[in-house]
Amino acid sequence: MTPIIVIPSRLASTRLPEKPLADIGGLPMVVQVALRARASGLGPVLVAAADAAICDVLLSHDIPCVLTDPDLPSGSDRVHAALCAHDPQGHHDVVINLQGDLPLIAPASLVSALRPVSEGGYDVGTLVAPVETQEEAHRDSVVKAACAFEAPGSIARALYFSRRAIPWGAGPLWHHVGVYAWRRAALERFVSLPQTALERRESLEQLRALEAGMSIGCAAIDVAPLGVDTPEDLVRVREALAA
C-alpha cells in the first residue's frame, strides 16, 4: 500500500475562531498535527485547507497544502478534493484522514489506524480508546463505537456509532477517535453518496458509510488523544504539551 495522510483544515469555527492557527508549543496547531503525522513515517503529509491563510503558514514550514473550495460540506469532501488535485494519477491507494484538531496524536496511533485496511481487508480503518468514566460515557460530544475485540491487539468490526452510550450491558465502552484510513475507492464512493437518515440524526458522517454497506474496522489505542474544540480544550492541550 502507498498511504498518504491528508489533514482537513479551515478557519471557520463557532467555538474557537481561527483554531488551526492557535499557538501550541510555539507552533500553529495545524503545523503541530502535520509534524506528528510526518513522524509516523507512513507516507507524505498534505493539508487540505479551506483558507489561503492556512496555506501561507504551512508553506513557511515546508508542509504541502492544497487550497480547496471553502463551501465543501465536510472534512471528508475536503480530503477527497485535495487528494484529486495532488495525486490525479492515483498513486496513493490509501488516504488517512487526520483531523486538524488533534495536536497530541501519537504517530504510532496513525500506524494503528491503517491496520484494519492493511491486515483486515476493511474498506475503512479507524481508532477507538476505552471510555474511562461515566461522565465520558454520557457526554454527547464523545462518540461511542459499538464493537467487540476478540483478543488484545485484534481488529473489531464497527457495527454502529452513536453519541449515546452503546452497547447496553456489562462490558467496555469504546470512545471513537476521528481518524480514518480510507481505501481510495471507498472514499471516492463515500463522497458521491447523499447524506443518510441516521447520519443526519446522529450528526455522524461515518454512519453514511455503514448504511452504504462499507466495512469499518477498529483498532484500539490506550487513551483517546485530547482534541481542541473550545478555548478550554486549548488550555488543556497547551498544559499537556508543556508538562
Protein backbone atom coordinates (compact mmCIF):
# COMPACT_ATOMS: atom_id res chain seq x y z
CA MET A 1 0.00 0.00 0.00
CA THR A 2 1.06 3.59 -0.62
CA PRO A 3 -0.68 5.73 2.03
CA ILE A 4 -0.90 9.49 2.18
CA ILE A 5 -2.03 11.46 5.23
CA VAL A 6 -4.38 14.35 4.48
CA ILE A 7 -5.39 16.86 7.18
CA PRO A 8 -8.57 18.90 6.51
CA SER A 9 -8.35 22.39 7.98
CA ARG A 10 -10.49 25.52 7.95
CA LEU A 11 -10.59 28.76 9.90
CA ALA A 12 -14.37 28.85 10.37
CA SER A 13 -15.16 27.60 13.87
CA THR A 14 -18.02 28.83 16.01
CA ARG A 15 -16.49 27.87 19.35
CA LEU A 16 -12.83 28.68 18.64
CA PRO A 17 -12.28 31.10 15.74
CA GLU A 18 -9.14 30.52 13.62
CA LYS A 19 -8.49 27.30 15.52
CA PRO A 20 -5.86 25.87 13.11
CA LEU A 21 -3.60 28.88 13.74
CA ALA A 22 -3.82 28.74 17.54
CA ASP A 23 -0.37 28.66 19.11
CA ILE A 24 0.54 25.36 20.76
CA GLY A 25 4.11 24.95 21.95
CA GLY A 26 5.31 27.79 19.75
CA LEU A 27 3.74 26.46 16.54
CA PRO A 28 0.31 26.81 14.92
CA MET A 29 -1.88 23.82 15.79
CA VAL A 30 -2.16 22.65 12.18
CA VAL A 31 1.64 22.56 11.96
CA GLN A 32 1.85 20.51 15.17
CA VAL A 33 -0.61 18.00 13.70
CA ALA A 34 1.27 17.81 10.40
CA LEU A 35 4.61 17.22 12.11
CA ARG A 36 3.16 14.37 14.15
CA ALA A 37 1.69 12.89 11.00
CA ARG A 38 5.08 13.14 9.30
CA ALA A 39 6.71 11.41 12.28
CA SER A 40 4.54 8.32 11.68
CA GLY A 41 6.63 7.53 8.60
CA LEU A 42 3.58 6.22 6.75
CA GLY A 43 3.91 8.48 3.74
CA PRO A 44 3.65 12.08 2.59
CA VAL A 45 1.55 14.58 4.53
CA LEU A 46 -0.79 17.04 2.83
CA VAL A 47 -3.11 19.67 4.30
CA ALA A 48 -6.48 20.29 2.64
CA ALA A 49 -7.12 23.92 3.54
CA ALA A 50 -10.25 25.98 3.08
CA ASP A 51 -8.40 29.27 3.58
CA ALA A 52 -5.32 30.84 1.99
CA ALA A 53 -4.06 31.98 5.42
CA ILE A 54 -3.61 28.33 6.42
CA CYS A 55 -1.61 27.57 3.27
CA ASP A 56 0.61 30.61 3.89
CA VAL A 57 1.50 29.33 7.37
CA LEU A 58 2.13 25.79 6.16
CA LEU A 59 4.35 26.83 3.27
CA SER A 60 6.59 28.71 5.70
CA HIS A 61 7.12 25.35 7.43
CA ASP A 62 7.63 23.39 4.17
CA ILE A 63 4.37 21.48 4.60
CA PRO A 64 2.45 20.87 1.32
CA CYS A 65 -1.03 22.34 1.12
CA VAL A 66 -3.92 22.34 -1.35
CA LEU A 67 -6.45 25.17 -1.25
CA THR A 68 -9.93 23.67 -1.52
CA ASP A 69 -13.39 25.11 -2.06
CA PRO A 70 -14.48 26.66 1.27
CA ASP A 71 -18.08 25.60 0.60
CA LEU A 72 -17.35 21.85 0.65
CA PRO A 73 -19.76 20.22 3.11
CA SER A 74 -17.38 18.11 5.19
CA GLY A 75 -13.81 17.26 6.03
CA SER A 76 -14.08 14.07 4.01
CA ASP A 77 -15.08 16.06 0.92
CA ARG A 78 -12.15 18.40 1.54
CA VAL A 79 -9.73 15.47 1.84
CA HIS A 80 -11.04 13.94 -1.38
CA ALA A 81 -10.77 17.22 -3.29
CA ALA A 82 -7.20 17.80 -2.13
CA LEU A 83 -6.21 14.23 -2.98
CA CYS A 84 -7.63 14.52 -6.51
CA ALA A 85 -5.71 17.76 -7.06
CA HIS A 86 -2.46 16.49 -5.56
CA ASP A 87 -2.47 12.93 -6.94
CA PRO A 88 -4.70 12.73 -10.04
CA GLN A 89 -2.83 9.64 -11.27
CA GLY A 90 -3.97 7.64 -8.21
CA HIS A 91 -0.52 6.70 -6.92
CA HIS A 92 -1.77 6.69 -3.34
CA ASP A 93 -4.30 3.92 -2.81
CA VAL A 94 -4.98 4.64 0.89
CA VAL A 95 -5.67 8.06 2.40
CA ILE A 96 -5.58 8.70 6.13
CA ASN A 97 -7.94 11.49 7.13
CA LEU A 98 -6.40 13.05 10.24
CA GLN A 99 -8.41 15.75 11.97
CA GLY A 100 -6.56 19.03 12.32
CA ASP A 101 -7.62 19.48 15.94
CA LEU A 102 -5.61 16.54 17.34
CA PRO A 103 -2.22 18.16 18.05
CA LEU A 104 -1.28 15.47 20.59
CA ILE A 105 -2.00 12.46 18.35
CA ALA A 106 0.71 9.84 18.76
CA PRO A 107 2.41 8.95 15.45
CA ALA A 108 2.04 5.27 16.37
CA SER A 109 -1.74 5.72 16.52
CA LEU A 110 -1.78 6.58 12.82
CA VAL A 111 0.03 3.32 12.10
CA SER A 112 -2.67 1.54 14.12
CA ALA A 113 -5.44 3.22 12.12
CA LEU A 114 -4.05 1.64 8.96
CA ARG A 115 -4.15 -1.90 10.35
CA PRO A 116 -7.82 -2.70 9.62
CA VAL A 117 -7.20 -1.89 5.95
CA SER A 118 -3.74 -3.42 5.56
CA GLU A 119 -4.35 -6.52 7.70
CA GLY A 120 -8.10 -6.99 7.91
CA GLY A 121 -9.32 -6.12 4.42
CA TYR A 122 -11.74 -3.44 5.64
CA ASP A 123 -12.86 -0.53 3.48
CA VAL A 124 -12.07 1.92 6.28
CA GLY A 125 -9.88 1.75 9.36
CA THR A 126 -10.37 3.87 12.48
CA LEU A 127 -9.38 4.10 16.14
CA VAL A 128 -11.11 3.57 19.46
CA ALA A 129 -9.97 4.01 23.05
CA PRO A 130 -11.55 2.81 26.31
CA VAL A 131 -14.18 5.06 27.86
CA GLU A 132 -12.79 5.83 31.32
CA THR A 133 -15.66 7.46 33.25
CA GLN A 134 -19.44 7.60 33.40
CA GLU A 135 -19.26 11.30 32.56
CA GLU A 136 -17.36 10.46 29.38
CA ALA A 137 -19.83 7.69 28.56
CA HIS A 138 -22.79 10.05 28.71
CA ARG A 139 -21.18 13.13 27.13
CA ASP A 140 -22.76 13.74 23.72
CA SER A 141 -19.52 15.14 22.29
CA VAL A 142 -17.84 11.76 22.86
CA VAL A 143 -18.80 9.41 20.03
CA LYS A 144 -19.09 5.77 21.04
CA ALA A 145 -18.41 2.80 18.74
CA ALA A 146 -20.30 -0.46 19.07
CA CYS A 147 -17.57 -3.04 18.53
CA ALA A 148 -16.08 -6.01 20.37
CA PHE A 149 -12.47 -7.22 20.37
CA GLU A 150 -11.93 -10.97 20.47
CA ALA A 151 -8.41 -10.61 21.88
CA PRO A 152 -5.94 -7.84 22.75
CA GLY A 153 -4.40 -6.44 19.60
CA SER A 154 -7.15 -7.77 17.34
CA ILE A 155 -9.29 -5.72 14.97
CA ALA A 156 -13.01 -5.28 15.65
CA ARG A 157 -15.76 -4.60 13.13
CA ALA A 158 -17.72 -1.41 13.87
CA LEU A 159 -21.43 -2.18 13.93
CA TYR A 160 -22.66 1.31 14.82
CA PHE A 161 -21.56 4.71 16.11
CA SER A 162 -23.60 6.87 18.45
CA ARG A 163 -23.41 9.83 20.78
CA ARG A 164 -25.22 7.68 23.35
CA ALA A 165 -23.53 5.05 25.48
CA ILE A 166 -23.70 1.83 23.44
CA PRO A 167 -23.90 -1.16 23.63
CA TRP A 168 -26.09 -1.85 26.65
CA GLY A 169 -24.99 -4.23 29.41
CA ALA A 170 -21.79 -5.08 31.24
CA GLY A 171 -18.54 -4.64 29.37
CA PRO A 172 -16.24 -1.97 27.97
CA LEU A 173 -17.40 1.09 26.06
CA TRP A 174 -15.26 2.46 23.26
CA HIS A 175 -14.57 6.13 22.58
CA HIS A 176 -14.28 6.70 18.84
CA VAL A 177 -11.23 8.71 17.75
CA GLY A 178 -11.94 10.55 14.49
CA VAL A 179 -9.06 9.25 12.38
CA TYR A 180 -9.93 7.31 9.23
CA ALA A 181 -7.79 5.25 6.88
CA TRP A 182 -9.80 5.03 3.66
CA ARG A 183 -9.21 2.81 0.69
CA ARG A 184 -9.21 5.38 -2.07
CA ALA A 185 -12.06 3.72 -3.94
CA ALA A 186 -14.15 3.68 -0.75
CA LEU A 187 -13.58 7.41 -0.17
CA GLU A 188 -14.49 8.19 -3.78
CA ARG A 189 -17.72 6.25 -3.39
CA PHE A 190 -18.47 7.79 0.01
CA VAL A 191 -18.30 11.41 -1.16
CA SER A 192 -20.59 10.59 -4.09
CA LEU A 193 -23.37 9.36 -1.79
CA PRO A 194 -26.12 11.56 -0.35
CA GLN A 195 -26.45 12.03 3.38
CA THR A 196 -28.48 9.33 5.11
CA ALA A 197 -31.20 9.50 7.75
CA LEU A 198 -29.05 8.06 10.54
CA GLU A 199 -26.14 10.30 9.59
CA ARG A 200 -28.37 13.35 9.95
CA ARG A 201 -29.98 12.10 13.14
CA GLU A 202 -26.70 11.42 14.95
CA SER A 203 -24.68 14.07 13.08
CA LEU A 204 -22.04 11.42 12.33
CA GLU A 205 -20.92 11.02 8.73
CA GLN A 206 -19.37 7.59 9.29
CA LEU A 207 -22.91 6.21 9.52
CA ARG A 208 -23.29 7.00 5.81
CA ALA A 209 -20.51 4.52 5.11
CA LEU A 210 -22.14 1.83 7.26
CA GLU A 211 -25.57 2.40 5.71
CA ALA A 212 -23.99 2.04 2.27
CA GLY A 213 -22.60 -1.37 3.24
CA MET A 214 -18.97 -0.34 3.69
CA SER A 215 -16.97 -2.14 6.35
CA ILE A 216 -15.21 -0.17 9.10
CA GLY A 217 -12.60 -1.89 11.24
CA CYS A 218 -11.46 -0.55 14.61
CA ALA A 219 -8.00 -0.73 16.17
CA ALA A 220 -7.71 0.03 19.88
CA ILE A 221 -5.30 2.52 21.41
CA ASP A 222 -4.75 3.03 25.12
CA VAL A 223 -6.00 6.60 25.52
CA ALA A 224 -8.03 8.95 23.32
CA PRO A 225 -5.88 11.97 22.43
CA LEU A 226 -7.04 15.38 23.62
CA GLY A 227 -8.84 17.30 20.89
CA VAL A 228 -9.35 21.05 20.60
CA ASP A 229 -12.93 22.27 20.16
CA THR A 230 -13.18 25.07 22.72
CA PRO A 231 -10.92 27.64 24.40
CA GLU A 232 -10.90 25.39 27.47
CA ASP A 233 -9.64 22.47 25.36
CA LEU A 234 -6.87 24.69 24.03
CA VAL A 235 -5.71 25.47 27.58
CA ARG A 236 -5.67 21.76 28.47
CA VAL A 237 -3.68 20.82 25.37
CA ARG A 238 -1.12 23.58 25.99
CA GLU A 239 -0.70 22.39 29.57
CA ALA A 240 -0.35 18.76 28.50
CA LEU A 241 2.30 19.62 25.91
CA ALA A 242 4.24 21.70 28.43
CA ALA A 243 4.13 19.02 31.13
